[in-house]
Amino acid sequence: MARELKARSWLFVPGDSERKLAKAAGAGADAVIVDLEDAVAPEAKPAARALAHEWLQGGSAGRWVRINALDTPWWRDDLAAVMPAAPAGIMLPKAAGPGQLRLLSAELDALEQRHAIPPGATRILPLVSETPAAAISIPAYAGDSLQRLAGLTWGAEDLSAAIGATRKRTPAGEWADAFRFVRAQVLLTAHACGVAAVDTLHADFRDGAGLQRIAAESRADGFHGMLAIHPDQVPIINAAFAPSEAELAEARAIVELFAANPGAGALSLDGRMVDQPHLAQAKRLLER
């Protein structure tokens, strides 16, 4: 997965809060996303853009910006404000398909050239589930060549409102059918594209135990990371997506076993069979 980002936690920070932005760098998140979209009222957007630009200048590694959707009058102003500070990437909300990513990429081409940023350095992470039309077209990303694509992620709130759903999870705590369908498509399509699969956020930031369970399930399902809306969620997510010492030891043992037996298709390790899929998974784990 040459284009996959090795980020576990993606922390949203409101773009109009100087206090929260100042604290974000110490939260321990692998990626911090300054939010110019839902977290900022229309009248506050100009001030938020200026604040975001200043914050990005403190170091753009791992610093992202969520701009406004491409069907709003604000997104080009967002880019004009933040691109001189060379953010690591742009999160695109309400992404309607690969065509919108190509439009955004063309804008980034011009802005990178204008501001002496290396071509293609600015990555894109789209939120691909926020309308019904977008949600049923997620596999289209796998059939497109989008060099800036860093990953795929999704959200439940906008989609819930769009379809009139009065619940997102069942009484047992599992995703309801529509949301489970979207989540599975994001996971599989991201892997098909060779990019990061980033799971949606856990809205109750006071529920640490629930987040711990959900994040562990997310990693077990094959996601690479998870969105966060509060600094307290970051260490829980980081821990859930970090391999344990036992997992690392087993992965090393599998790699060493096959290295000592070149050409073998299947081998025995501690009384169980391991084959090429186990080897590939072990290598991926050690790379991450």
C-alpha atoms as a PDB file:
ATOM      1  CA  MET A   1       0.000   0.000   0.000  1.00  0.00           C
ATOM      2  CA  ALA A   2       2.364   2.636  -1.186  1.00  0.00           C
ATOM      3  CA  ARG A   3      -0.072   5.517  -0.744  1.00  0.00           C
ATOM      4  CA  GLU A   4      -1.523   4.480   2.613  1.00  0.00           C
ATOM      5  CA  LEU A   5      -1.061   6.930   5.478  1.00  0.00           C
ATOM      6  CA  LYS A   6       0.128   5.422   8.744  1.00  0.00           C
ATOM      7  CA  ALA A   7      -2.171   7.521  10.931  1.00  0.00           C
ATOM      8  CA  ARG A   8      -4.284   6.027  13.694  1.00  0.00           C
ATOM      9  CA  SER A   9      -6.046   9.081  15.167  1.00  0.00           C
ATOM     10  CA  TRP A  10      -7.529  12.001  13.208  1.00  0.00           C
ATOM     11  CA  LEU A  11      -8.548  14.786  15.582  1.00  0.00           C
ATOM     12  CA  PHE A  12     -10.992  17.513  14.508  1.00  0.00           C
ATOM     13  CA  VAL A  13     -10.397  20.999  15.952  1.00  0.00           C
ATOM     14  CA  PRO A  14     -12.753  23.954  15.312  1.00  0.00           C
ATOM     15  CA  GLY A  15     -11.062  26.483  13.072  1.00  0.00           C
ATOM     16  CA  ASP A  16     -12.445  29.453  14.979  1.00  0.00           C
ATOM     17  CA  SER A  17     -11.102  28.422  18.399  1.00  0.00           C
ATOM     18  CA  GLU A  18      -7.622  29.752  19.082  1.00  0.00           C
ATOM     19  CA  ARG A  19      -7.587  28.012  22.463  1.00  0.00           C
ATOM     20  CA  LYS A  20      -8.414  24.573  21.052  1.00  0.00           C
ATOM     21  CA  LEU A  21      -5.971  24.939  18.185  1.00  0.00           C
ATOM     22  CA  ALA A  22      -3.214  25.838  20.635  1.00  0.00           C
ATOM     23  CA  LYS A  23      -3.898  22.648  22.608  1.00  0.00           C
ATOM     24  CA  ALA A  24      -4.227  20.383  19.564  1.00  0.00           C
ATOM     25  CA  ALA A  25      -0.504  19.832  19.015  1.00  0.00           C
ATOM     26  CA  GLY A  26      -0.167  18.298  22.484  1.00  0.00           C
ATOM     27  CA  ALA A  27      -3.080  15.884  22.091  1.00  0.00           C
ATOM     28  CA  GLY A  28      -0.933  13.144  20.569  1.00  0.00           C
ATOM     29  CA  ALA A  29      -3.024  12.720  17.427  1.00  0.00           C
ATOM     30  CA  ASP A  30      -1.278  11.416  14.327  1.00  0.00           C
ATOM     31  CA  ALA A  31      -3.264  13.921  12.256  1.00  0.00           C
ATOM     32  CA  VAL A  32      -5.034  17.112  13.351  1.00  0.00           C
ATOM     33  CA  ILE A  33      -7.787  18.490  11.124  1.00  0.00           C
ATOM     34  CA  VAL A  34      -8.614  22.166  11.519  1.00  0.00           C
ATOM     35  CA  ASP A  35     -12.296  22.359  10.641  1.00  0.00           C
ATOM     36  CA  LEU A  36     -13.547  25.235   8.498  1.00  0.00           C
ATOM     37  CA  GLU A  37     -16.838  23.507   7.688  1.00  0.00           C
ATOM     38  CA  ASP A  38     -19.500  22.385  10.169  1.00  0.00           C
ATOM     39  CA  ALA A  39     -17.689  23.663  13.250  1.00  0.00           C
ATOM     40  CA  VAL A  40     -17.640  27.264  11.962  1.00  0.00           C
ATOM     41  CA  ALA A  41     -20.670  29.499  11.385  1.00  0.00           C
ATOM     42  CA  PRO A  42     -20.788  31.326   8.016  1.00  0.00           C
ATOM     43  CA  GLU A  43     -20.101  34.731   9.570  1.00  0.00           C
ATOM     44  CA  ALA A  44     -17.047  33.347  11.404  1.00  0.00           C
ATOM     45  CA  LYS A  45     -15.416  31.676   8.390  1.00  0.00           C
ATOM     46  CA  PRO A  46     -13.147  34.590   7.316  1.00  0.00           C
ATOM     47  CA  ALA A  47     -11.630  34.842  10.804  1.00  0.00           C
ATOM     48  CA  ALA A  48     -11.323  31.044  11.008  1.00  0.00           C
ATOM     49  CA  ARG A  49      -9.392  30.949   7.717  1.00  0.00           C
ATOM     50  CA  ALA A  50      -6.884  33.466   9.031  1.00  0.00           C
ATOM     51  CA  LEU A  51      -6.518  31.532  12.273  1.00  0.00           C
ATOM     52  CA  ALA A  52      -6.082  28.267  10.378  1.00  0.00           C
ATOM     53  CA  HIS A  53      -3.337  29.797   8.236  1.00  0.00           C
ATOM     54  CA  GLU A  54      -1.483  30.969  11.324  1.00  0.00           C
ATOM     55  CA  TRP A  55      -1.854  27.574  12.996  1.00  0.00           C
ATOM     56  CA  LEU A  56      -0.570  25.714   9.935  1.00  0.00           C
ATOM     57  CA  GLN A  57       2.573  27.812   9.911  1.00  0.00           C
ATOM     58  CA  GLY A  58       3.508  26.207  13.231  1.00  0.00           C
ATOM     59  CA  GLY A  59       4.384  23.046  11.285  1.00  0.00           C
ATOM     60  CA  SER A  60       2.352  21.380   8.557  1.00  0.00           C
ATOM     61  CA  ALA A  61       3.392  17.767   9.209  1.00  0.00           C
ATOM     62  CA  GLY A  62       0.226  15.940  10.221  1.00  0.00           C
ATOM     63  CA  ARG A  63      -1.825  19.163   9.968  1.00  0.00           C
ATOM     64  CA  TRP A  64      -4.882  18.941   7.750  1.00  0.00           C
ATOM     65  CA  VAL A  65      -7.764  21.255   6.857  1.00  0.00           C
ATOM     66  CA  ARG A  66     -11.407  20.370   6.342  1.00  0.00           C
ATOM     67  CA  ILE A  67     -12.637  22.860   3.785  1.00  0.00           C
ATOM     68  CA  ASN A  68     -16.263  23.524   2.942  1.00  0.00           C
ATOM     69  CA  ALA A  69     -18.059  21.324   0.430  1.00  0.00           C
ATOM     70  CA  LEU A  70     -17.613  22.002  -3.272  1.00  0.00           C
ATOM     71  CA  ASP A  71     -21.282  22.933  -3.668  1.00  0.00           C
ATOM     72  CA  THR A  72     -20.812  25.940  -1.348  1.00  0.00           C
ATOM     73  CA  PRO A  73     -19.416  29.392  -2.207  1.00  0.00           C
ATOM     74  CA  TRP A  74     -16.693  29.072   0.451  1.00  0.00           C
ATOM     75  CA  TRP A  75     -14.310  26.295  -0.546  1.00  0.00           C
ATOM     76  CA  ARG A  76     -12.076  28.257  -2.901  1.00  0.00           C
ATOM     77  CA  ASP A  77     -11.651  30.968  -0.263  1.00  0.00           C
ATOM     78  CA  ASP A  78     -10.716  28.227   2.210  1.00  0.00           C
ATOM     79  CA  LEU A  79      -7.998  26.935  -0.113  1.00  0.00           C
ATOM     80  CA  ALA A  80      -6.703  30.410  -0.932  1.00  0.00           C
ATOM     81  CA  ALA A  81      -6.284  31.104   2.776  1.00  0.00           C
ATOM     82  CA  VAL A  82      -4.590  27.879   3.879  1.00  0.00           C
ATOM     83  CA  MET A  83      -2.521  26.694   0.922  1.00  0.00           C
ATOM     84  CA  PRO A  84       0.246  29.307   1.379  1.00  0.00           C
ATOM     85  CA  ALA A  85       0.999  27.502   4.668  1.00  0.00           C
ATOM     86  CA  ALA A  86       1.296  24.105   2.900  1.00  0.00           C
ATOM     87  CA  PRO A  87      -1.041  21.827   4.878  1.00  0.00           C
ATOM     88  CA  ALA A  88      -0.350  18.121   4.767  1.00  0.00           C
ATOM     89  CA  GLY A  89      -3.734  17.517   3.229  1.00  0.00           C
ATOM     90  CA  ILE A  90      -7.300  18.578   2.622  1.00  0.00           C
ATOM     91  CA  MET A  91     -10.354  16.778   3.953  1.00  0.00           C
ATOM     92  CA  LEU A  92     -13.236  17.132   1.501  1.00  0.00           C
ATOM     93  CA  PRO A  93     -16.684  16.889   3.112  1.00  0.00           C
ATOM     94  CA  LYS A  94     -19.797  15.693   1.302  1.00  0.00           C
ATOM     95  CA  ALA A  95     -17.683  14.263  -1.502  1.00  0.00           C
ATOM     96  CA  ALA A  96     -20.002  13.304  -4.352  1.00  0.00           C
ATOM     97  CA  GLY A  97     -17.584  11.062  -6.247  1.00  0.00           C
ATOM     98  CA  PRO A  98     -14.202  10.933  -8.005  1.00  0.00           C
ATOM     99  CA  GLY A  99     -15.149  13.837 -10.263  1.00  0.00           C
ATOM    100  CA  GLN A 100     -15.162  16.208  -7.314  1.00  0.00           C
ATOM    101  CA  LEU A 101     -11.755  14.960  -6.228  1.00  0.00           C
ATOM    102  CA  ARG A 102     -10.392  15.661  -9.696  1.00  0.00           C
ATOM    103  CA  LEU A 103     -11.777  19.201  -9.509  1.00  0.00           C
ATOM    104  CA  LEU A 104     -10.191  19.722  -6.107  1.00  0.00           C
ATOM    105  CA  SER A 105      -6.924  18.206  -7.313  1.00  0.00           C
ATOM    106  CA  ALA A 106      -6.803  20.629 -10.252  1.00  0.00           C
ATOM    107  CA  GLU A 107      -7.208  23.545  -7.842  1.00  0.00           C
ATOM    108  CA  LEU A 108      -4.414  22.148  -5.696  1.00  0.00           C
ATOM    109  CA  ASP A 109      -2.159  21.780  -8.747  1.00  0.00           C
ATOM    110  CA  ALA A 110      -2.432  25.503  -9.419  1.00  0.00           C
ATOM    111  CA  LEU A 111      -2.047  26.517  -5.773  1.00  0.00           C
ATOM    112  CA  GLU A 112       0.974  24.293  -5.207  1.00  0.00           C
ATOM    113  CA  GLN A 113       2.675  25.841  -8.205  1.00  0.00           C
ATOM    114  CA  ARG A 114       1.788  29.357  -7.039  1.00  0.00           C
ATOM    115  CA  HIS A 115       3.163  28.801  -3.540  1.00  0.00           C
ATOM    116  CA  ALA A 116       6.245  26.711  -4.445  1.00  0.00           C
ATOM    117  CA  ILE A 117       4.862  23.553  -2.862  1.00  0.00           C
ATOM    118  CA  PRO A 118       6.128  20.279  -4.359  1.00  0.00           C
ATOM    119  CA  PRO A 119       3.628  18.985  -6.939  1.00  0.00           C
ATOM    120  CA  GLY A 120       1.200  16.465  -5.480  1.00  0.00           C
ATOM    121  CA  ALA A 121       2.358  17.047  -1.897  1.00  0.00           C
ATOM    122  CA  THR A 122      -1.119  17.985  -0.682  1.00  0.00           C
ATOM    123  CA  ARG A 123      -3.159  14.821  -0.072  1.00  0.00           C
ATOM    124  CA  ILE A 124      -6.946  14.465  -0.107  1.00  0.00           C
ATOM    125  CA  LEU A 125      -9.130  12.583   2.391  1.00  0.00           C
ATOM    126  CA  PRO A 126     -12.783  12.610   1.290  1.00  0.00           C
ATOM    127  CA  LEU A 127     -15.830  12.034   3.470  1.00  0.00           C
ATOM    128  CA  VAL A 128     -17.716   9.808   1.049  1.00  0.00           C
ATOM    129  CA  SER A 129     -21.018   8.968   2.739  1.00  0.00           C
ATOM    130  CA  GLU A 130     -22.895  12.132   3.580  1.00  0.00           C
ATOM    131  CA  THR A 131     -25.643  11.935   0.946  1.00  0.00           C
ATOM    132  CA  PRO A 132     -27.547   8.875  -0.305  1.00  0.00           C
ATOM    133  CA  ALA A 133     -26.148   9.329  -3.846  1.00  0.00           C
ATOM    134  CA  ALA A 134     -22.598   9.524  -2.510  1.00  0.00           C
ATOM    135  CA  ALA A 135     -23.117   6.529  -0.238  1.00  0.00           C
ATOM    136  CA  ILE A 136     -24.169   4.188  -3.044  1.00  0.00           C
ATOM    137  CA  SER A 137     -21.319   5.291  -5.335  1.00  0.00           C
ATOM    138  CA  ILE A 138     -18.371   4.639  -2.998  1.00  0.00           C
ATOM    139  CA  PRO A 139     -16.966   1.764  -5.125  1.00  0.00           C
ATOM    140  CA  ALA A 140     -16.435   4.267  -7.968  1.00  0.00           C
ATOM    141  CA  TYR A 141     -13.296   5.472  -6.206  1.00  0.00           C
ATOM    142  CA  ALA A 142     -11.695   2.079  -6.827  1.00  0.00           C
ATOM    143  CA  GLY A 143     -12.072   2.522 -10.577  1.00  0.00           C
ATOM    144  CA  ASP A 144     -10.382   5.903 -10.717  1.00  0.00           C
ATOM    145  CA  SER A 145      -6.726   6.939 -10.604  1.00  0.00           C
ATOM    146  CA  LEU A 146      -6.526   9.628  -7.947  1.00  0.00           C
ATOM    147  CA  GLN A 147      -2.889  10.195  -7.085  1.00  0.00           C
ATOM    148  CA  ARG A 148      -3.609  12.588  -4.225  1.00  0.00           C
ATOM    149  CA  LEU A 149      -6.018  10.188  -2.527  1.00  0.00           C
ATOM    150  CA  ALA A 150      -4.759   9.437   0.990  1.00  0.00           C
ATOM    151  CA  GLY A 151      -7.708   7.451   2.282  1.00  0.00           C
ATOM    152  CA  LEU A 152     -11.461   7.198   2.569  1.00  0.00           C
ATOM    153  CA  THR A 153     -13.582   8.009   5.585  1.00  0.00           C
ATOM    154  CA  TRP A 154     -17.243   8.352   6.360  1.00  0.00           C
ATOM    155  CA  GLY A 155     -19.747   9.974   8.691  1.00  0.00           C
ATOM    156  CA  ALA A 156     -23.195   9.042   9.895  1.00  0.00           C
ATOM    157  CA  GLU A 157     -24.753  12.341  10.970  1.00  0.00           C
ATOM    158  CA  ASP A 158     -25.405  13.974   7.586  1.00  0.00           C
ATOM    159  CA  LEU A 159     -26.533  10.703   6.025  1.00  0.00           C
ATOM    160  CA  SER A 160     -28.896  10.079   8.930  1.00  0.00           C
ATOM    161  CA  ALA A 161     -30.518  13.467   8.381  1.00  0.00           C
ATOM    162  CA  ALA A 162     -30.657  12.976   4.612  1.00  0.00           C
ATOM    163  CA  ILE A 163     -32.553   9.672   4.811  1.00  0.00           C
ATOM    164  CA  GLY A 164     -34.672  10.610   7.817  1.00  0.00           C
ATOM    165  CA  ALA A 165     -33.239   7.866  10.008  1.00  0.00           C
ATOM    166  CA  THR A 166     -34.224   8.111  13.670  1.00  0.00           C
ATOM    167  CA  ARG A 167     -31.476   5.726  14.725  1.00  0.00           C
ATOM    168  CA  LYS A 168     -27.961   4.945  13.589  1.00  0.00           C
ATOM    169  CA  ARG A 169     -27.344   1.944  15.825  1.00  0.00           C
ATOM    170  CA  THR A 170     -29.525  -0.956  16.930  1.00  0.00           C
ATOM    171  CA  PRO A 171     -30.457  -1.489  20.594  1.00  0.00           C
ATOM    172  CA  ALA A 172     -27.536  -3.929  20.751  1.00  0.00           C
ATOM    173  CA  GLY A 173     -25.131  -1.145  19.778  1.00  0.00           C
ATOM    174  CA  GLU A 174     -24.453  -2.369  16.235  1.00  0.00           C
ATOM    175  CA  TRP A 175     -24.713  -0.100  13.201  1.00  0.00           C
ATOM    176  CA  ALA A 176     -28.130  -0.188  11.562  1.00  0.00           C
ATOM    177  CA  ASP A 177     -28.234  -1.677   8.067  1.00  0.00           C
ATOM    178  CA  ALA A 178     -27.683   1.472   5.958  1.00  0.00           C
ATOM    179  CA  PHE A 179     -24.720   2.606   8.038  1.00  0.00           C
ATOM    180  CA  ARG A 180     -23.180  -0.870   8.197  1.00  0.00           C
ATOM    181  CA  PHE A 181     -23.450  -1.030   4.394  1.00  0.00           C
ATOM    182  CA  VAL A 182     -21.660   2.314   4.013  1.00  0.00           C
ATOM    183  CA  ARG A 183     -18.937   1.364   6.498  1.00  0.00           C
ATOM    184  CA  ALA A 184     -18.230  -1.920   4.699  1.00  0.00           C
ATOM    185  CA  GLN A 185     -17.987  -0.150   1.328  1.00  0.00           C
ATOM    186  CA  VAL A 186     -15.542   2.404   2.731  1.00  0.00           C
ATOM    187  CA  LEU A 187     -13.377  -0.350   4.195  1.00  0.00           C
ATOM    188  CA  LEU A 188     -13.282  -2.493   1.060  1.00  0.00           C
ATOM    189  CA  THR A 189     -12.909   0.387  -1.387  1.00  0.00           C
ATOM    190  CA  ALA A 190     -10.041   1.931   0.580  1.00  0.00           C
ATOM    191  CA  HIS A 191      -8.196  -1.385   0.555  1.00  0.00           C
ATOM    192  CA  ALA A 192      -8.923  -1.779  -3.160  1.00  0.00           C
ATOM    193  CA  CYS A 193      -7.385   1.657  -3.756  1.00  0.00           C
ATOM    194  CA  GLY A 194      -4.382   0.934  -1.537  1.00  0.00           C
ATOM    195  CA  VAL A 195      -5.166   3.884   0.755  1.00  0.00           C
ATOM    196  CA  ALA A 196      -6.043   4.324   4.421  1.00  0.00           C
ATOM    197  CA  ALA A 197      -9.453   3.169   5.648  1.00  0.00           C
ATOM    198  CA  VAL A 198     -10.461   5.639   8.371  1.00  0.00           C
ATOM    199  CA  ASP A 199     -13.487   4.767  10.510  1.00  0.00           C
ATOM    200  CA  THR A 200     -16.009   7.351  11.613  1.00  0.00           C
ATOM    201  CA  LEU A 201     -16.033   9.067  14.988  1.00  0.00           C
ATOM    202  CA  HIS A 202     -17.643   8.026  18.267  1.00  0.00           C
ATOM    203  CA  ALA A 203     -19.932  10.949  19.053  1.00  0.00           C
ATOM    204  CA  ASP A 204     -20.089  10.483  22.848  1.00  0.00           C
ATOM    205  CA  PHE A 205     -16.647  11.779  23.805  1.00  0.00           C
ATOM    206  CA  ARG A 206     -17.304  11.046  27.496  1.00  0.00           C
ATOM    207  CA  ASP A 207     -17.793   7.330  26.771  1.00  0.00           C
ATOM    208  CA  GLY A 208     -14.207   6.111  26.979  1.00  0.00           C
ATOM    209  CA  ALA A 209     -15.159   2.478  27.559  1.00  0.00           C
ATOM    210  CA  GLY A 210     -17.473   2.476  24.554  1.00  0.00           C
ATOM    211  CA  LEU A 211     -14.814   4.078  22.371  1.00  0.00           C
ATOM    212  CA  GLN A 212     -12.247   1.516  23.512  1.00  0.00           C
ATOM    213  CA  ARG A 213     -14.555  -1.304  22.408  1.00  0.00           C
ATOM    214  CA  ILE A 214     -15.520   0.362  19.123  1.00  0.00           C
ATOM    215  CA  ALA A 215     -11.936   1.276  18.201  1.00  0.00           C
ATOM    216  CA  ALA A 216     -10.731  -2.269  18.939  1.00  0.00           C
ATOM    217  CA  GLU A 217     -13.505  -3.675  16.737  1.00  0.00           C
ATOM    218  CA  SER A 218     -12.634  -1.170  14.022  1.00  0.00           C
ATOM    219  CA  ARG A 219      -9.003  -2.280  13.929  1.00  0.00           C
ATOM    220  CA  ALA A 220     -10.044  -5.935  14.008  1.00  0.00           C
ATOM    221  CA  ASP A 221     -12.303  -5.287  11.006  1.00  0.00           C
ATOM    222  CA  GLY A 222      -9.389  -3.897   8.986  1.00  0.00           C
ATOM    223  CA  PHE A 223      -9.553  -0.128   9.460  1.00  0.00           C
ATOM    224  CA  HIS A 224      -6.265   1.738   9.839  1.00  0.00           C
ATOM    225  CA  GLY A 225      -7.475   4.587  12.032  1.00  0.00           C
ATOM    226  CA  MET A 226     -10.433   6.525  13.346  1.00  0.00           C
ATOM    227  CA  LEU A 227     -11.757  10.074  13.538  1.00  0.00           C
ATOM    228  CA  ALA A 228     -11.869  11.852  16.925  1.00  0.00           C
ATOM    229  CA  ILE A 229     -13.745  14.916  18.135  1.00  0.00           C
ATOM    230  CA  HIS A 230     -12.098  15.408  21.537  1.00  0.00           C
ATOM    231  CA  PRO A 231      -8.472  15.182  22.734  1.00  0.00           C
ATOM    232  CA  ASP A 232      -9.469  12.623  25.382  1.00  0.00           C
ATOM    233  CA  GLN A 233     -10.362  10.200  22.584  1.00  0.00           C
ATOM    234  CA  VAL A 234      -6.893  10.295  21.033  1.00  0.00           C
ATOM    235  CA  PRO A 235      -4.943   8.051  23.448  1.00  0.00           C
ATOM    236  CA  ILE A 236      -7.751   5.486  23.407  1.00  0.00           C
ATOM    237  CA  ILE A 237      -7.724   5.340  19.609  1.00  0.00           C
ATOM    238  CA  ASN A 238      -3.936   5.264  19.424  1.00  0.00           C
ATOM    239  CA  ALA A 239      -3.780   2.365  21.863  1.00  0.00           C
ATOM    240  CA  ALA A 240      -6.502   0.419  20.062  1.00  0.00           C
ATOM    241  CA  PHE A 241      -4.779   0.723  16.678  1.00  0.00           C
ATOM    242  CA  ALA A 242      -1.276  -0.021  17.946  1.00  0.00           C
ATOM    243  CA  PRO A 243      -0.221  -3.680  17.690  1.00  0.00           C
ATOM    244  CA  SER A 244       0.513  -5.438  20.953  1.00  0.00           C
ATOM    245  CA  GLU A 245       3.921  -6.887  21.749  1.00  0.00           C
ATOM    246  CA  ALA A 246       2.445 -10.358  21.333  1.00  0.00           C
ATOM    247  CA  GLU A 247       1.157  -9.500  17.855  1.00  0.00           C
ATOM    248  CA  LEU A 248       4.507  -8.051  16.842  1.00  0.00           C
ATOM    249  CA  ALA A 249       6.369 -11.095  18.179  1.00  0.00           C
ATOM    250  CA  GLU A 250       4.111 -13.452  16.217  1.00  0.00           C
ATOM    251  CA  ALA A 251       4.502 -11.380  13.040  1.00  0.00           C
ATOM    252  CA  ARG A 252       8.294 -11.448  13.369  1.00  0.00           C
ATOM    253  CA  ALA A 253       8.189 -15.199  13.957  1.00  0.00           C
ATOM    254  CA  ILE A 254       6.134 -15.745  10.785  1.00  0.00           C
ATOM    255  CA  VAL A 255       8.453 -13.598   8.666  1.00  0.00           C
ATOM    256  CA  GLU A 256      11.544 -15.320  10.066  1.00  0.00           C
ATOM    257  CA  LEU A 257       9.996 -18.752   9.524  1.00  0.00           C
ATOM    258  CA  PHE A 258       9.375 -18.112   5.834  1.00  0.00           C
ATOM    259  CA  ALA A 259      12.784 -16.458   5.417  1.00  0.00           C
ATOM    260  CA  ALA A 260      14.358 -19.648   6.743  1.00  0.00           C
ATOM    261  CA  ASN A 261      12.259 -21.773   4.363  1.00  0.00           C
ATOM    262  CA  PRO A 262      12.361 -19.988   0.985  1.00  0.00           C
ATOM    263  CA  GLY A 263       9.851 -21.266  -1.531  1.00  0.00           C
ATOM    264  CA  ALA A 264       7.555 -22.811   1.082  1.00  0.00           C
ATOM    265  CA  GLY A 265       3.841 -22.278   0.609  1.00  0.00           C
ATOM    266  CA  ALA A 266       2.693 -23.325   4.067  1.00  0.00           C
ATOM    267  CA  LEU A 267       4.559 -24.005   7.301  1.00  0.00           C
ATOM    268  CA  SER A 268       3.829 -24.964  10.877  1.00  0.00           C
ATOM    269  CA  LEU A 269       4.238 -22.408  13.666  1.00  0.00           C
ATOM    270  CA  ASP A 270       3.516 -23.409  17.255  1.00  0.00           C
ATOM    271  CA  GLY A 271       1.248 -26.220  16.146  1.00  0.00           C
ATOM    272  CA  ARG A 272      -0.787 -24.321  13.568  1.00  0.00           C
ATOM    273  CA  MET A 273      -0.484 -23.842   9.850  1.00  0.00           C
ATOM    274  CA  VAL A 274       0.596 -20.481   8.446  1.00  0.00           C
ATOM    275  CA  ASP A 275       0.616 -19.740   4.709  1.00  0.00           C
ATOM    276  CA  GLN A 276       1.169 -16.861   2.304  1.00  0.00           C
ATOM    277  CA  PRO A 277      -1.800 -14.747   3.469  1.00  0.00           C
ATOM    278  CA  HIS A 278      -0.438 -14.980   7.034  1.00  0.00           C
ATOM    279  CA  LEU A 279       2.972 -13.875   5.753  1.00  0.00           C
ATOM    280  CA  ALA A 280       1.509 -10.905   3.879  1.00  0.00           C
ATOM    281  CA  GLN A 281      -0.480  -9.856   6.952  1.00  0.00           C
ATOM    282  CA  ALA A 282       2.589 -10.172   9.179  1.00  0.00           C
ATOM    283  CA  LYS A 283       4.631  -7.984   6.840  1.00  0.00           C
ATOM    284  CA  ARG A 284       1.891  -5.327   6.740  1.00  0.00           C
ATOM    285  CA  LEU A 285       1.718  -5.303  10.524  1.00  0.00           C
ATOM    286  CA  LEU A 286       5.483  -4.822  10.865  1.00  0.00           C
ATOM    287  CA  GLU A 287       5.477  -2.079   8.213  1.00  0.00           C
ATOM    288  CA  ARG A 288       2.825  -0.149  10.147  1.00  0.00           C
END
